């Protein structure tokens, strides 16, 4: 227990030091684009039909709470690899489009990995969010995304909202009105084990009009 608590305090201290160092430099931007939001050619907003056409037919399940997302999952075809890839279909996507994507090393799951469809593309080497993989350190996550919005115990959380750009504003390079009622939200969560290795990641993106 003392070792675990020591690890936790040390991890938070390292994260804070890294955050301060990054803050003094040019910050990495937590602004996710279509490529960032893609895994194995599928992205936030993909339909279930597109997911299954790419990765195979999968059985769906629901979270433990009422109104929870519908989940479709795929696991590594290697019996010694516990990697699981989960596509969430929530209310924001009308329960038909992907609203969140999670990658896990077999931990922090609300479902049984054995119920997931095996796929050769799913492995511990699967790349997501600007080249991250399971097993990377908190330092690597901070290097890629900058200081987190929140750091606690073995977790890092990022949450960024910004006004929407219209097509005309993008074309003309004009910044959106800060008072716009349309807001884009990016969120990314990372969880690490006692050896400071990434074992769970989840991210989503949505537009609130």
N, C-alpha and C. Protein backbone atom coordinates (compact mmCIF):
# COMPACT_ATOMS: atom_id res chain seq x y z
N UNK A 1 0.82 -1.20 0.00
CA UNK A 1 0.00 0.00 0.00
C UNK A 1 0.85 1.25 0.00
N UNK A 2 1.91 1.26 0.82
CA UNK A 2 2.80 2.42 0.86
C UNK A 2 3.50 2.61 -0.47
N UNK A 3 3.87 1.49 -1.09
CA UNK A 3 4.52 1.56 -2.39
C UNK A 3 3.56 2.16 -3.40
N UNK A 4 2.29 1.73 -3.37
CA UNK A 4 1.29 2.23 -4.30
C UNK A 4 1.08 3.73 -4.11
N UNK A 5 0.95 4.18 -2.84
CA UNK A 5 0.75 5.60 -2.56
C UNK A 5 1.96 6.41 -2.98
N UNK A 6 3.16 5.83 -2.77
CA UNK A 6 4.37 6.52 -3.17
C UNK A 6 4.42 6.70 -4.67
N UNK A 7 4.00 5.65 -5.38
CA UNK A 7 3.96 5.74 -6.83
C UNK A 7 3.00 6.83 -7.28
N UNK A 8 1.82 6.87 -6.64
CA UNK A 8 0.82 7.86 -7.01
C UNK A 8 1.33 9.27 -6.83
N UNK A 9 1.93 9.57 -5.66
CA UNK A 9 2.45 10.91 -5.40
C UNK A 9 3.58 11.25 -6.37
N UNK A 10 4.44 10.28 -6.64
CA UNK A 10 5.54 10.51 -7.56
C UNK A 10 5.03 10.78 -8.96
N UNK A 11 4.01 10.02 -9.40
CA UNK A 11 3.45 10.21 -10.73
C UNK A 11 2.88 11.61 -10.89
N UNK A 12 2.11 12.05 -9.89
CA UNK A 12 1.52 13.39 -9.96
C UNK A 12 2.60 14.45 -9.98
N UNK A 13 3.65 14.26 -9.17
CA UNK A 13 4.75 15.23 -9.13
C UNK A 13 5.43 15.33 -10.49
N UNK A 14 5.67 14.17 -11.11
CA UNK A 14 6.31 14.16 -12.43
C UNK A 14 5.43 14.87 -13.45
N UNK A 15 4.13 14.60 -13.40
CA UNK A 15 3.20 15.22 -14.34
C UNK A 15 3.19 16.73 -14.18
N UNK A 16 3.16 17.19 -12.92
CA UNK A 16 3.16 18.64 -12.66
C UNK A 16 4.45 19.29 -13.16
N UNK A 17 5.56 18.63 -12.93
CA UNK A 17 6.85 19.17 -13.40
C UNK A 17 6.88 19.25 -14.91
N UNK A 18 6.39 18.19 -15.56
CA UNK A 18 6.36 18.18 -17.02
C UNK A 18 5.41 19.26 -17.54
N UNK A 19 4.27 19.44 -16.85
CA UNK A 19 3.30 20.44 -17.27
C UNK A 19 3.90 21.83 -17.19
N UNK A 20 4.62 22.11 -16.11
CA UNK A 20 5.26 23.42 -15.95
C UNK A 20 6.32 23.64 -17.02
N UNK A 21 7.07 22.58 -17.34
CA UNK A 21 8.11 22.70 -18.35
C UNK A 21 7.49 22.99 -19.71
N UNK A 22 6.40 22.24 -20.04
CA UNK A 22 5.74 22.44 -21.32
C UNK A 22 5.09 23.82 -21.39
N UNK A 23 4.55 24.28 -20.25
CA UNK A 23 3.88 25.57 -20.22
C UNK A 23 4.84 26.70 -20.56
N UNK A 24 6.12 26.52 -20.25
CA UNK A 24 7.12 27.54 -20.54
C UNK A 24 7.57 27.50 -21.98
N UNK A 25 7.16 26.46 -22.70
CA UNK A 25 7.49 26.33 -24.11
C UNK A 25 6.22 26.53 -24.93
N UNK A 26 6.30 26.30 -26.22
CA UNK A 26 5.12 26.37 -27.06
C UNK A 26 4.22 25.19 -26.72
N UNK A 27 2.98 25.45 -26.35
CA UNK A 27 2.08 24.38 -25.93
C UNK A 27 1.64 23.51 -27.09
N UNK A 28 1.61 22.20 -26.84
CA UNK A 28 0.99 21.31 -27.81
C UNK A 28 -0.51 21.59 -27.76
N UNK A 29 -1.18 21.51 -28.92
CA UNK A 29 -2.59 21.86 -28.95
C UNK A 29 -3.47 20.63 -28.80
N UNK A 30 -4.40 20.72 -27.85
CA UNK A 30 -5.39 19.66 -27.70
C UNK A 30 -6.58 20.05 -28.58
N UNK A 31 -6.35 20.00 -29.89
CA UNK A 31 -7.37 20.32 -30.87
C UNK A 31 -7.39 19.17 -31.85
N UNK A 32 -8.36 18.28 -31.69
CA UNK A 32 -8.37 17.03 -32.44
C UNK A 32 -9.00 17.21 -33.82
N UNK A 33 -8.29 16.78 -34.86
CA UNK A 33 -8.87 16.82 -36.20
C UNK A 33 -9.32 15.41 -36.60
N UNK A 34 -9.80 15.29 -37.84
CA UNK A 34 -10.37 14.01 -38.28
C UNK A 34 -9.36 12.88 -38.20
N UNK A 35 -8.11 13.16 -38.51
CA UNK A 35 -7.08 12.12 -38.45
C UNK A 35 -6.81 11.70 -37.01
N UNK A 36 -6.79 12.68 -36.09
CA UNK A 36 -6.58 12.36 -34.68
C UNK A 36 -7.67 11.45 -34.15
N UNK A 37 -8.89 11.67 -34.64
CA UNK A 37 -10.06 10.98 -34.12
C UNK A 37 -10.29 9.62 -34.79
N UNK A 38 -9.34 9.19 -35.61
CA UNK A 38 -9.50 7.94 -36.37
C UNK A 38 -8.65 6.80 -35.80
N UNK A 39 -9.23 5.61 -35.82
CA UNK A 39 -8.53 4.38 -35.44
C UNK A 39 -8.90 3.31 -36.46
N UNK A 40 -7.89 2.73 -37.09
CA UNK A 40 -8.10 1.71 -38.11
C UNK A 40 -9.04 2.18 -39.22
N UNK A 41 -8.94 3.46 -39.56
CA UNK A 41 -9.75 4.00 -40.65
C UNK A 41 -11.17 4.36 -40.27
N UNK A 42 -11.51 4.24 -38.99
CA UNK A 42 -12.84 4.59 -38.48
C UNK A 42 -12.70 5.76 -37.53
N UNK A 43 -13.74 6.58 -37.43
CA UNK A 43 -13.62 7.81 -36.68
C UNK A 43 -14.88 8.16 -35.92
N UNK A 44 -14.81 9.18 -35.09
CA UNK A 44 -16.01 9.69 -34.44
C UNK A 44 -16.96 10.12 -35.54
N UNK A 45 -18.19 9.63 -35.51
CA UNK A 45 -19.16 9.95 -36.56
C UNK A 45 -19.37 8.81 -37.54
N UNK A 46 -18.48 7.81 -37.54
CA UNK A 46 -18.70 6.64 -38.40
C UNK A 46 -19.96 5.90 -37.94
N UNK A 47 -20.64 5.27 -38.87
CA UNK A 47 -21.84 4.52 -38.53
C UNK A 47 -21.47 3.10 -38.10
N UNK A 48 -22.41 2.43 -37.46
CA UNK A 48 -22.15 1.05 -37.07
C UNK A 48 -21.91 0.17 -38.30
N UNK A 49 -22.66 0.45 -39.37
CA UNK A 49 -22.48 -0.32 -40.59
C UNK A 49 -21.06 -0.18 -41.12
N UNK A 50 -20.51 1.03 -41.04
CA UNK A 50 -19.13 1.26 -41.50
C UNK A 50 -18.13 0.54 -40.60
N UNK A 51 -18.39 0.53 -39.30
CA UNK A 51 -17.51 -0.16 -38.35
C UNK A 51 -17.48 -1.65 -38.64
N UNK A 52 -18.65 -2.25 -38.83
CA UNK A 52 -18.71 -3.69 -39.04
C UNK A 52 -18.22 -4.08 -40.44
N UNK A 53 -18.39 -3.19 -41.41
CA UNK A 53 -17.88 -3.48 -42.74
C UNK A 53 -16.36 -3.52 -42.73
N UNK A 54 -15.76 -2.71 -41.85
CA UNK A 54 -14.30 -2.62 -41.77
C UNK A 54 -13.71 -3.71 -40.88
N UNK A 55 -14.36 -3.98 -39.73
CA UNK A 55 -13.75 -4.85 -38.73
C UNK A 55 -14.50 -6.17 -38.49
N UNK A 56 -15.67 -6.30 -39.07
CA UNK A 56 -16.43 -7.53 -38.89
C UNK A 56 -17.65 -7.32 -38.00
N UNK A 57 -18.60 -8.22 -38.16
CA UNK A 57 -19.84 -8.14 -37.36
C UNK A 57 -19.51 -8.38 -35.89
N UNK A 58 -20.13 -7.57 -35.03
CA UNK A 58 -19.85 -7.68 -33.60
C UNK A 58 -21.13 -7.61 -32.79
N UNK A 59 -21.14 -8.29 -31.68
CA UNK A 59 -22.28 -8.24 -30.78
C UNK A 59 -22.22 -6.96 -29.97
N UNK A 60 -23.36 -6.31 -29.76
CA UNK A 60 -23.38 -5.06 -28.99
C UNK A 60 -23.79 -5.32 -27.56
N UNK A 61 -23.38 -4.42 -26.68
CA UNK A 61 -23.77 -4.49 -25.27
C UNK A 61 -23.99 -3.08 -24.77
N UNK A 62 -24.58 -2.97 -23.60
CA UNK A 62 -24.83 -1.66 -23.02
C UNK A 62 -24.13 -1.51 -21.69
N UNK A 63 -23.85 -0.26 -21.31
CA UNK A 63 -23.24 0.01 -20.01
C UNK A 63 -24.19 -0.37 -18.89
N UNK A 64 -23.68 -0.30 -17.69
CA UNK A 64 -24.46 -0.74 -16.53
C UNK A 64 -25.54 0.25 -16.13
N UNK A 65 -25.40 1.53 -16.51
CA UNK A 65 -26.39 2.53 -16.13
C UNK A 65 -27.44 2.73 -17.21
N UNK A 66 -28.64 3.11 -16.80
CA UNK A 66 -29.71 3.37 -17.74
C UNK A 66 -29.31 4.53 -18.66
N UNK A 67 -29.54 4.37 -19.95
CA UNK A 67 -29.18 5.41 -20.90
C UNK A 67 -27.73 5.38 -21.30
N UNK A 68 -27.00 4.34 -20.89
CA UNK A 68 -25.58 4.23 -21.24
C UNK A 68 -25.41 3.99 -22.73
N UNK A 69 -24.21 4.28 -23.22
CA UNK A 69 -23.91 4.07 -24.63
C UNK A 69 -24.05 2.60 -25.00
N UNK A 70 -24.37 2.38 -26.26
CA UNK A 70 -24.30 1.03 -26.80
C UNK A 70 -22.86 0.79 -27.21
N UNK A 71 -22.30 -0.34 -26.87
CA UNK A 71 -20.88 -0.62 -27.10
C UNK A 71 -20.70 -1.75 -28.11
N UNK A 72 -19.75 -1.55 -29.01
CA UNK A 72 -19.35 -2.60 -29.96
C UNK A 72 -17.84 -2.75 -29.81
N UNK A 73 -17.37 -3.96 -29.55
CA UNK A 73 -15.95 -4.12 -29.24
C UNK A 73 -15.26 -5.18 -30.07
N UNK A 74 -13.94 -4.99 -30.19
CA UNK A 74 -13.07 -5.92 -30.91
C UNK A 74 -11.82 -6.16 -30.06
N UNK A 75 -11.35 -7.39 -30.06
CA UNK A 75 -10.17 -7.73 -29.28
C UNK A 75 -9.08 -8.28 -30.19
N UNK A 76 -7.87 -8.31 -29.66
CA UNK A 76 -6.75 -8.84 -30.43
C UNK A 76 -6.99 -10.31 -30.77
N UNK A 77 -6.56 -10.72 -31.96
CA UNK A 77 -6.68 -12.12 -32.36
C UNK A 77 -5.59 -12.96 -31.71
N UNK A 78 -4.58 -12.30 -31.10
CA UNK A 78 -3.49 -12.99 -30.41
C UNK A 78 -3.93 -13.28 -28.97
N UNK A 79 -3.96 -14.52 -28.60
CA UNK A 79 -4.45 -14.89 -27.27
C UNK A 79 -3.59 -14.33 -26.14
N UNK A 80 -2.36 -13.93 -26.44
CA UNK A 80 -1.48 -13.38 -25.42
C UNK A 80 -1.54 -11.84 -25.37
N UNK A 81 -2.39 -11.26 -26.19
CA UNK A 81 -2.53 -9.80 -26.26
C UNK A 81 -3.95 -9.45 -25.78
N UNK A 82 -4.06 -8.67 -24.71
CA UNK A 82 -5.36 -8.38 -24.11
C UNK A 82 -5.98 -7.06 -24.63
N UNK A 83 -5.43 -6.52 -25.68
CA UNK A 83 -5.92 -5.24 -26.20
C UNK A 83 -7.37 -5.34 -26.68
N UNK A 84 -8.15 -4.33 -26.30
CA UNK A 84 -9.56 -4.26 -26.71
C UNK A 84 -9.84 -2.87 -27.27
N UNK A 85 -10.54 -2.82 -28.39
CA UNK A 85 -10.95 -1.57 -29.03
C UNK A 85 -12.47 -1.48 -28.95
N UNK A 86 -12.97 -0.37 -28.40
CA UNK A 86 -14.41 -0.23 -28.19
C UNK A 86 -14.95 1.01 -28.90
N UNK A 87 -16.04 0.84 -29.61
CA UNK A 87 -16.74 1.95 -30.24
C UNK A 87 -18.03 2.20 -29.45
N UNK A 88 -18.21 3.44 -29.04
CA UNK A 88 -19.40 3.83 -28.27
C UNK A 88 -20.41 4.49 -29.20
N UNK A 89 -21.66 4.09 -29.08
CA UNK A 89 -22.74 4.70 -29.84
C UNK A 89 -23.70 5.32 -28.83
N UNK A 90 -23.63 6.65 -28.68
CA UNK A 90 -24.40 7.33 -27.66
C UNK A 90 -25.49 8.23 -28.20
N UNK A 91 -26.15 8.93 -27.28
CA UNK A 91 -27.28 9.79 -27.64
C UNK A 91 -26.88 10.89 -28.62
N UNK A 92 -25.66 11.45 -28.47
CA UNK A 92 -25.23 12.53 -29.34
C UNK A 92 -25.12 12.08 -30.80
N UNK A 93 -24.96 10.79 -31.01
CA UNK A 93 -24.88 10.25 -32.37
C UNK A 93 -26.16 9.54 -32.77
N UNK A 94 -27.23 9.80 -32.02
CA UNK A 94 -28.50 9.15 -32.32
C UNK A 94 -28.48 7.65 -32.12
N UNK A 95 -27.52 7.16 -31.32
CA UNK A 95 -27.33 5.74 -31.03
C UNK A 95 -26.93 4.95 -32.27
N UNK A 96 -26.64 5.64 -33.39
CA UNK A 96 -26.26 4.95 -34.62
C UNK A 96 -24.86 5.32 -35.10
N UNK A 97 -24.33 6.47 -34.65
CA UNK A 97 -23.00 6.92 -35.05
C UNK A 97 -22.03 6.86 -33.86
N UNK A 98 -20.77 6.63 -34.14
CA UNK A 98 -19.75 6.55 -33.09
C UNK A 98 -19.60 7.90 -32.40
N UNK A 99 -19.71 7.90 -31.08
CA UNK A 99 -19.57 9.14 -30.30
C UNK A 99 -18.31 9.14 -29.43
N UNK A 100 -17.72 7.97 -29.24
CA UNK A 100 -16.51 7.87 -28.41
C UNK A 100 -15.77 6.59 -28.79
N UNK A 101 -14.44 6.62 -28.67
CA UNK A 101 -13.62 5.44 -28.95
C UNK A 101 -12.70 5.18 -27.76
N UNK A 102 -12.61 3.92 -27.33
CA UNK A 102 -11.75 3.55 -26.21
C UNK A 102 -10.79 2.45 -26.64
N UNK A 103 -9.59 2.52 -26.12
CA UNK A 103 -8.58 1.47 -26.34
C UNK A 103 -8.08 1.03 -24.97
N UNK A 104 -8.07 -0.27 -24.71
CA UNK A 104 -7.70 -0.76 -23.39
C UNK A 104 -6.76 -1.96 -23.48
N UNK A 105 -5.93 -2.07 -22.44
CA UNK A 105 -5.05 -3.24 -22.32
C UNK A 105 -5.74 -4.30 -21.46
N UNK A 106 -7.06 -4.30 -21.47
CA UNK A 106 -7.83 -5.27 -20.72
C UNK A 106 -8.27 -4.78 -19.36
N UNK A 107 -8.02 -3.48 -19.05
CA UNK A 107 -8.41 -2.93 -17.76
C UNK A 107 -9.46 -1.84 -17.93
N UNK A 108 -10.13 -1.51 -16.82
CA UNK A 108 -11.14 -0.45 -16.79
C UNK A 108 -12.26 -0.69 -17.80
N UNK A 109 -12.66 -1.95 -17.95
CA UNK A 109 -13.70 -2.29 -18.90
C UNK A 109 -15.02 -2.61 -18.20
N UNK A 110 -16.12 -2.19 -18.83
CA UNK A 110 -17.44 -2.50 -18.27
C UNK A 110 -18.06 -3.68 -19.01
N UNK A 111 -17.24 -4.38 -19.78
CA UNK A 111 -17.72 -5.54 -20.53
C UNK A 111 -16.69 -6.67 -20.46
N UNK A 112 -17.12 -7.83 -20.85
CA UNK A 112 -16.23 -9.00 -20.86
C UNK A 112 -15.48 -9.05 -22.19
N UNK A 113 -14.14 -8.92 -22.17
CA UNK A 113 -13.37 -8.92 -23.42
C UNK A 113 -13.61 -10.15 -24.29
N UNK A 114 -13.95 -11.26 -23.66
CA UNK A 114 -14.15 -12.49 -24.42
C UNK A 114 -15.39 -12.42 -25.31
N UNK A 115 -16.27 -11.43 -25.00
CA UNK A 115 -17.47 -11.26 -25.82
C UNK A 115 -17.18 -10.42 -27.07
N UNK A 116 -15.97 -9.86 -27.16
CA UNK A 116 -15.60 -8.99 -28.28
C UNK A 116 -15.15 -9.83 -29.48
N UNK A 117 -15.40 -9.32 -30.67
CA UNK A 117 -15.00 -10.00 -31.91
C UNK A 117 -13.49 -9.88 -32.12
N UNK A 118 -12.78 -10.98 -32.35
CA UNK A 118 -11.33 -10.90 -32.60
C UNK A 118 -11.04 -10.26 -33.95
N UNK A 119 -9.98 -9.46 -34.00
CA UNK A 119 -9.59 -8.81 -35.25
C UNK A 119 -8.07 -8.66 -35.27
N UNK A 120 -7.45 -8.99 -36.38
CA UNK A 120 -5.99 -8.96 -36.47
C UNK A 120 -5.43 -7.54 -36.42
N UNK A 121 -6.26 -6.54 -36.69
CA UNK A 121 -5.79 -5.15 -36.65
C UNK A 121 -5.68 -4.59 -35.25
N UNK A 122 -6.30 -5.27 -34.30
CA UNK A 122 -6.28 -4.82 -32.91
C UNK A 122 -5.11 -5.46 -32.18
N UNK A 123 -4.22 -4.64 -31.63
CA UNK A 123 -3.07 -5.17 -30.91
C UNK A 123 -2.50 -4.09 -30.00
N UNK A 124 -1.55 -4.46 -29.16
CA UNK A 124 -0.92 -3.49 -28.26
C UNK A 124 -0.13 -2.44 -29.03
N UNK A 125 0.11 -2.68 -30.32
CA UNK A 125 0.83 -1.72 -31.15
C UNK A 125 -0.10 -0.80 -31.93
N UNK A 126 -1.38 -0.91 -31.68
CA UNK A 126 -2.36 -0.07 -32.36
C UNK A 126 -2.09 1.40 -32.07
N UNK A 127 -2.03 2.22 -33.10
CA UNK A 127 -1.74 3.65 -32.93
C UNK A 127 -3.01 4.48 -32.98
N UNK A 128 -3.05 5.50 -32.14
CA UNK A 128 -4.22 6.37 -32.06
C UNK A 128 -3.77 7.73 -31.53
N UNK A 129 -4.58 8.74 -31.70
CA UNK A 129 -4.30 10.07 -31.15
C UNK A 129 -2.85 10.52 -31.36
N UNK A 130 -2.50 10.82 -32.58
CA UNK A 130 -1.17 11.35 -32.93
C UNK A 130 -0.04 10.39 -32.63
N UNK A 131 -0.29 9.11 -32.82
CA UNK A 131 0.78 8.13 -32.70
C UNK A 131 0.95 7.48 -31.35
N UNK A 132 0.08 7.76 -30.39
CA UNK A 132 0.18 7.11 -29.08
C UNK A 132 -0.13 5.62 -29.21
N UNK A 133 0.43 4.83 -28.31
CA UNK A 133 0.12 3.41 -28.22
C UNK A 133 -0.05 3.07 -26.75
N UNK A 134 -0.66 1.93 -26.47
CA UNK A 134 -0.72 1.45 -25.11
C UNK A 134 0.71 1.23 -24.63
N UNK A 135 0.96 1.51 -23.36
CA UNK A 135 2.29 1.30 -22.80
C UNK A 135 3.13 2.55 -22.71
N UNK A 136 2.72 3.66 -23.37
CA UNK A 136 3.51 4.88 -23.28
C UNK A 136 3.39 5.48 -21.88
N UNK A 137 4.31 6.38 -21.53
CA UNK A 137 4.36 6.98 -20.20
C UNK A 137 3.53 8.27 -20.13
N UNK A 138 3.23 8.75 -18.92
CA UNK A 138 2.58 10.05 -18.78
C UNK A 138 3.38 11.17 -19.43
N UNK A 139 4.71 11.06 -19.37
CA UNK A 139 5.57 12.08 -19.97
C UNK A 139 5.33 12.18 -21.47
N UNK A 140 5.12 11.05 -22.13
CA UNK A 140 4.90 11.05 -23.58
C UNK A 140 3.55 11.70 -23.91
N UNK A 141 2.54 11.42 -23.10
CA UNK A 141 1.22 12.02 -23.32
C UNK A 141 1.30 13.54 -23.17
N UNK A 142 2.00 14.00 -22.13
CA UNK A 142 2.16 15.44 -21.91
C UNK A 142 2.98 16.07 -23.03
N UNK A 143 3.96 15.35 -23.53
CA UNK A 143 4.76 15.88 -24.63
C UNK A 143 3.90 16.10 -25.88
N UNK A 144 2.98 15.18 -26.12
CA UNK A 144 2.15 15.26 -27.32
C UNK A 144 1.02 16.28 -27.17
N UNK A 145 0.38 16.32 -26.00
CA UNK A 145 -0.81 17.14 -25.84
C UNK A 145 -0.66 18.35 -24.91
N UNK A 146 0.50 18.46 -24.26
CA UNK A 146 0.67 19.59 -23.36
C UNK A 146 0.10 19.30 -21.98
N UNK A 147 0.07 20.31 -21.11
CA UNK A 147 -0.43 20.13 -19.74
C UNK A 147 -1.87 19.66 -19.73
N UNK A 148 -2.21 18.69 -18.88
CA UNK A 148 -3.59 18.19 -18.83
C UNK A 148 -4.53 19.18 -18.14
N UNK A 149 -5.81 19.03 -18.41
CA UNK A 149 -6.82 19.84 -17.72
C UNK A 149 -6.91 19.42 -16.26
N UNK A 150 -6.66 18.13 -16.02
CA UNK A 150 -6.75 17.60 -14.66
C UNK A 150 -5.83 16.38 -14.54
N UNK A 151 -5.13 16.27 -13.42
CA UNK A 151 -4.28 15.11 -13.14
C UNK A 151 -4.57 14.62 -11.73
N UNK A 152 -4.87 13.33 -11.60
CA UNK A 152 -5.17 12.77 -10.28
C UNK A 152 -4.77 11.30 -10.26
N UNK A 153 -4.00 10.94 -9.22
CA UNK A 153 -3.53 9.57 -9.07
C UNK A 153 -2.86 9.10 -10.36
N UNK A 154 -3.44 8.07 -11.00
CA UNK A 154 -2.81 7.51 -12.20
C UNK A 154 -3.56 7.91 -13.47
N UNK A 155 -4.21 9.08 -13.46
CA UNK A 155 -5.02 9.49 -14.59
C UNK A 155 -4.68 10.91 -15.07
N UNK A 156 -4.79 11.10 -16.37
CA UNK A 156 -4.69 12.43 -16.97
C UNK A 156 -5.97 12.66 -17.76
N UNK A 157 -6.51 13.88 -17.66
CA UNK A 157 -7.72 14.22 -18.39
C UNK A 157 -7.53 15.53 -19.15
N UNK A 158 -8.00 15.55 -20.37
CA UNK A 158 -7.97 16.75 -21.19
C UNK A 158 -9.41 17.07 -21.62
N UNK A 159 -9.78 18.33 -21.51
CA UNK A 159 -11.12 18.76 -21.94
C UNK A 159 -10.99 20.18 -22.47
N UNK A 160 -11.26 20.37 -23.74
CA UNK A 160 -11.11 21.68 -24.37
C UNK A 160 -12.36 22.01 -25.18
N UNK A 161 -12.89 23.21 -25.00
CA UNK A 161 -14.02 23.66 -25.81
C UNK A 161 -13.62 24.95 -26.51
N UNK A 162 -14.16 25.15 -27.70
CA UNK A 162 -13.83 26.35 -28.48
C UNK A 162 -15.00 26.66 -29.40
N UNK A 163 -15.14 27.92 -29.81
CA UNK A 163 -16.22 28.30 -30.73
C UNK A 163 -16.06 27.59 -32.08
N UNK A 164 -17.17 27.31 -32.74
CA UNK A 164 -17.13 26.65 -34.04
C UNK A 164 -16.67 27.62 -35.13
N UNK A 165 -16.01 27.06 -36.12
CA UNK A 165 -15.64 27.81 -37.33
C UNK A 165 -16.68 27.53 -38.41
N UNK A 166 -17.11 28.57 -39.12
CA UNK A 166 -17.94 28.36 -40.28
C UNK A 166 -17.02 28.07 -41.47
N UNK A 167 -17.56 27.54 -42.56
CA UNK A 167 -16.74 27.26 -43.75
C UNK A 167 -16.09 28.54 -44.26
N UNK A 168 -16.84 29.66 -44.20
CA UNK A 168 -16.30 30.93 -44.68
C UNK A 168 -15.15 31.40 -43.81
N UNK A 169 -15.30 31.25 -42.49
CA UNK A 169 -14.23 31.65 -41.57
C UNK A 169 -12.98 30.83 -41.80
N UNK A 170 -13.13 29.51 -42.04
CA UNK A 170 -11.98 28.66 -42.30
C UNK A 170 -11.27 29.10 -43.57
N UNK A 171 -12.07 29.39 -44.61
CA UNK A 171 -11.51 29.79 -45.90
C UNK A 171 -10.76 31.12 -45.80
N UNK A 172 -11.33 32.06 -45.03
CA UNK A 172 -10.76 33.40 -44.93
C UNK A 172 -9.76 33.53 -43.78
N UNK A 173 -9.63 32.46 -42.97
CA UNK A 173 -8.69 32.51 -41.86
C UNK A 173 -9.13 33.43 -40.75
N UNK A 174 -10.45 33.63 -40.62
CA UNK A 174 -11.01 34.52 -39.60
C UNK A 174 -11.37 33.71 -38.36
N UNK A 175 -11.01 34.22 -37.19
CA UNK A 175 -11.34 33.53 -35.94
C UNK A 175 -12.84 33.62 -35.68
N UNK A 176 -13.43 32.56 -35.09
CA UNK A 176 -14.86 32.58 -34.80
C UNK A 176 -15.19 33.54 -33.66
N UNK A 177 -16.43 33.96 -33.60
CA UNK A 177 -16.89 34.85 -32.54
C UNK A 177 -16.88 34.10 -31.21
N UNK A 178 -16.21 34.66 -30.21
CA UNK A 178 -16.11 34.00 -28.89
C UNK A 178 -17.47 33.86 -28.24
N UNK A 179 -18.44 34.66 -28.68
CA UNK A 179 -19.78 34.59 -28.10
C UNK A 179 -20.71 33.67 -28.87
N UNK A 180 -20.16 32.90 -29.82
CA UNK A 180 -20.97 32.00 -30.63
C UNK A 180 -21.66 30.94 -29.78
N UNK A 181 -22.90 30.62 -30.15
CA UNK A 181 -23.65 29.59 -29.42
C UNK A 181 -23.21 28.19 -29.83
N UNK A 182 -22.42 28.09 -30.88
CA UNK A 182 -21.91 26.80 -31.35
C UNK A 182 -20.53 26.55 -30.74
N UNK A 183 -20.38 25.42 -30.07
CA UNK A 183 -19.13 25.11 -29.38
C UNK A 183 -18.66 23.71 -29.77
N UNK A 184 -17.37 23.59 -30.08
CA UNK A 184 -16.76 22.28 -30.36
C UNK A 184 -16.02 21.81 -29.11
N UNK A 185 -16.20 20.55 -28.77
CA UNK A 185 -15.60 20.00 -27.55
C UNK A 185 -14.73 18.79 -27.88
N UNK A 186 -13.50 18.80 -27.38
CA UNK A 186 -12.59 17.67 -27.50
C UNK A 186 -12.25 17.16 -26.10
N UNK A 187 -12.25 15.85 -25.92
CA UNK A 187 -11.93 15.29 -24.61
C UNK A 187 -11.11 14.01 -24.78
N UNK A 188 -10.16 13.84 -23.88
CA UNK A 188 -9.26 12.68 -23.93
C UNK A 188 -8.91 12.28 -22.51
N UNK A 189 -9.07 11.01 -22.18
CA UNK A 189 -8.72 10.49 -20.86
C UNK A 189 -7.66 9.39 -21.00
N UNK A 190 -6.70 9.41 -20.08
CA UNK A 190 -5.64 8.41 -20.10
C UNK A 190 -5.45 7.84 -18.70
N UNK A 191 -5.35 6.54 -18.60
CA UNK A 191 -5.14 5.88 -17.30
C UNK A 191 -3.89 5.02 -17.38
N UNK A 192 -3.09 5.02 -16.30
CA UNK A 192 -1.81 4.33 -16.28
C UNK A 192 -1.77 3.30 -15.16
N UNK A 193 -0.94 2.28 -15.33
CA UNK A 193 -0.79 1.26 -14.29
C UNK A 193 0.31 1.66 -13.31
N UNK A 194 0.65 0.75 -12.40
CA UNK A 194 1.64 1.06 -11.37
C UNK A 194 3.05 1.21 -11.92
N UNK A 195 3.24 0.85 -13.19
CA UNK A 195 4.55 1.01 -13.82
C UNK A 195 4.56 2.21 -14.76
N UNK A 196 3.55 3.09 -14.60
CA UNK A 196 3.43 4.31 -15.41
C UNK A 196 3.29 4.01 -16.90
N UNK A 197 2.56 2.96 -17.22
CA UNK A 197 2.30 2.60 -18.61
C UNK A 197 0.83 2.84 -18.91
N UNK A 198 0.55 3.40 -20.07
CA UNK A 198 -0.83 3.66 -20.47
C UNK A 198 -1.56 2.34 -20.68
N UNK A 199 -2.68 2.16 -19.96
CA UNK A 199 -3.44 0.92 -20.08
C UNK A 199 -4.87 1.16 -20.54
N UNK A 200 -5.29 2.42 -20.55
CA UNK A 200 -6.65 2.73 -21.00
C UNK A 200 -6.70 4.16 -21.52
N UNK A 201 -7.35 4.32 -22.67
CA UNK A 201 -7.51 5.65 -23.26
C UNK A 201 -8.89 5.75 -23.88
N UNK A 202 -9.50 6.91 -23.74
CA UNK A 202 -10.82 7.12 -24.32
C UNK A 202 -10.90 8.56 -24.81
N UNK A 203 -11.49 8.78 -25.97
CA UNK A 203 -11.60 10.14 -26.47
C UNK A 203 -12.90 10.34 -27.24
N UNK A 204 -13.36 11.60 -27.23
CA UNK A 204 -14.56 11.93 -27.99
C UNK A 204 -14.48 13.37 -28.48
N UNK A 205 -15.37 13.70 -29.41
CA UNK A 205 -15.44 15.02 -30.00
C UNK A 205 -16.90 15.26 -30.37
N UNK A 206 -17.44 16.41 -30.02
CA UNK A 206 -18.80 16.70 -30.44
C UNK A 206 -18.98 18.21 -30.62
N UNK A 207 -20.03 18.56 -31.33
CA UNK A 207 -20.38 19.96 -31.57
C UNK A 207 -21.70 20.24 -30.87
N UNK A 208 -21.69 21.25 -30.01
CA UNK A 208 -22.88 21.65 -29.25
C UNK A 208 -23.41 22.94 -29.85
N UNK A 209 -24.50 22.84 -30.56
CA UNK A 209 -25.08 24.02 -31.23
C UNK A 209 -26.19 24.64 -30.38
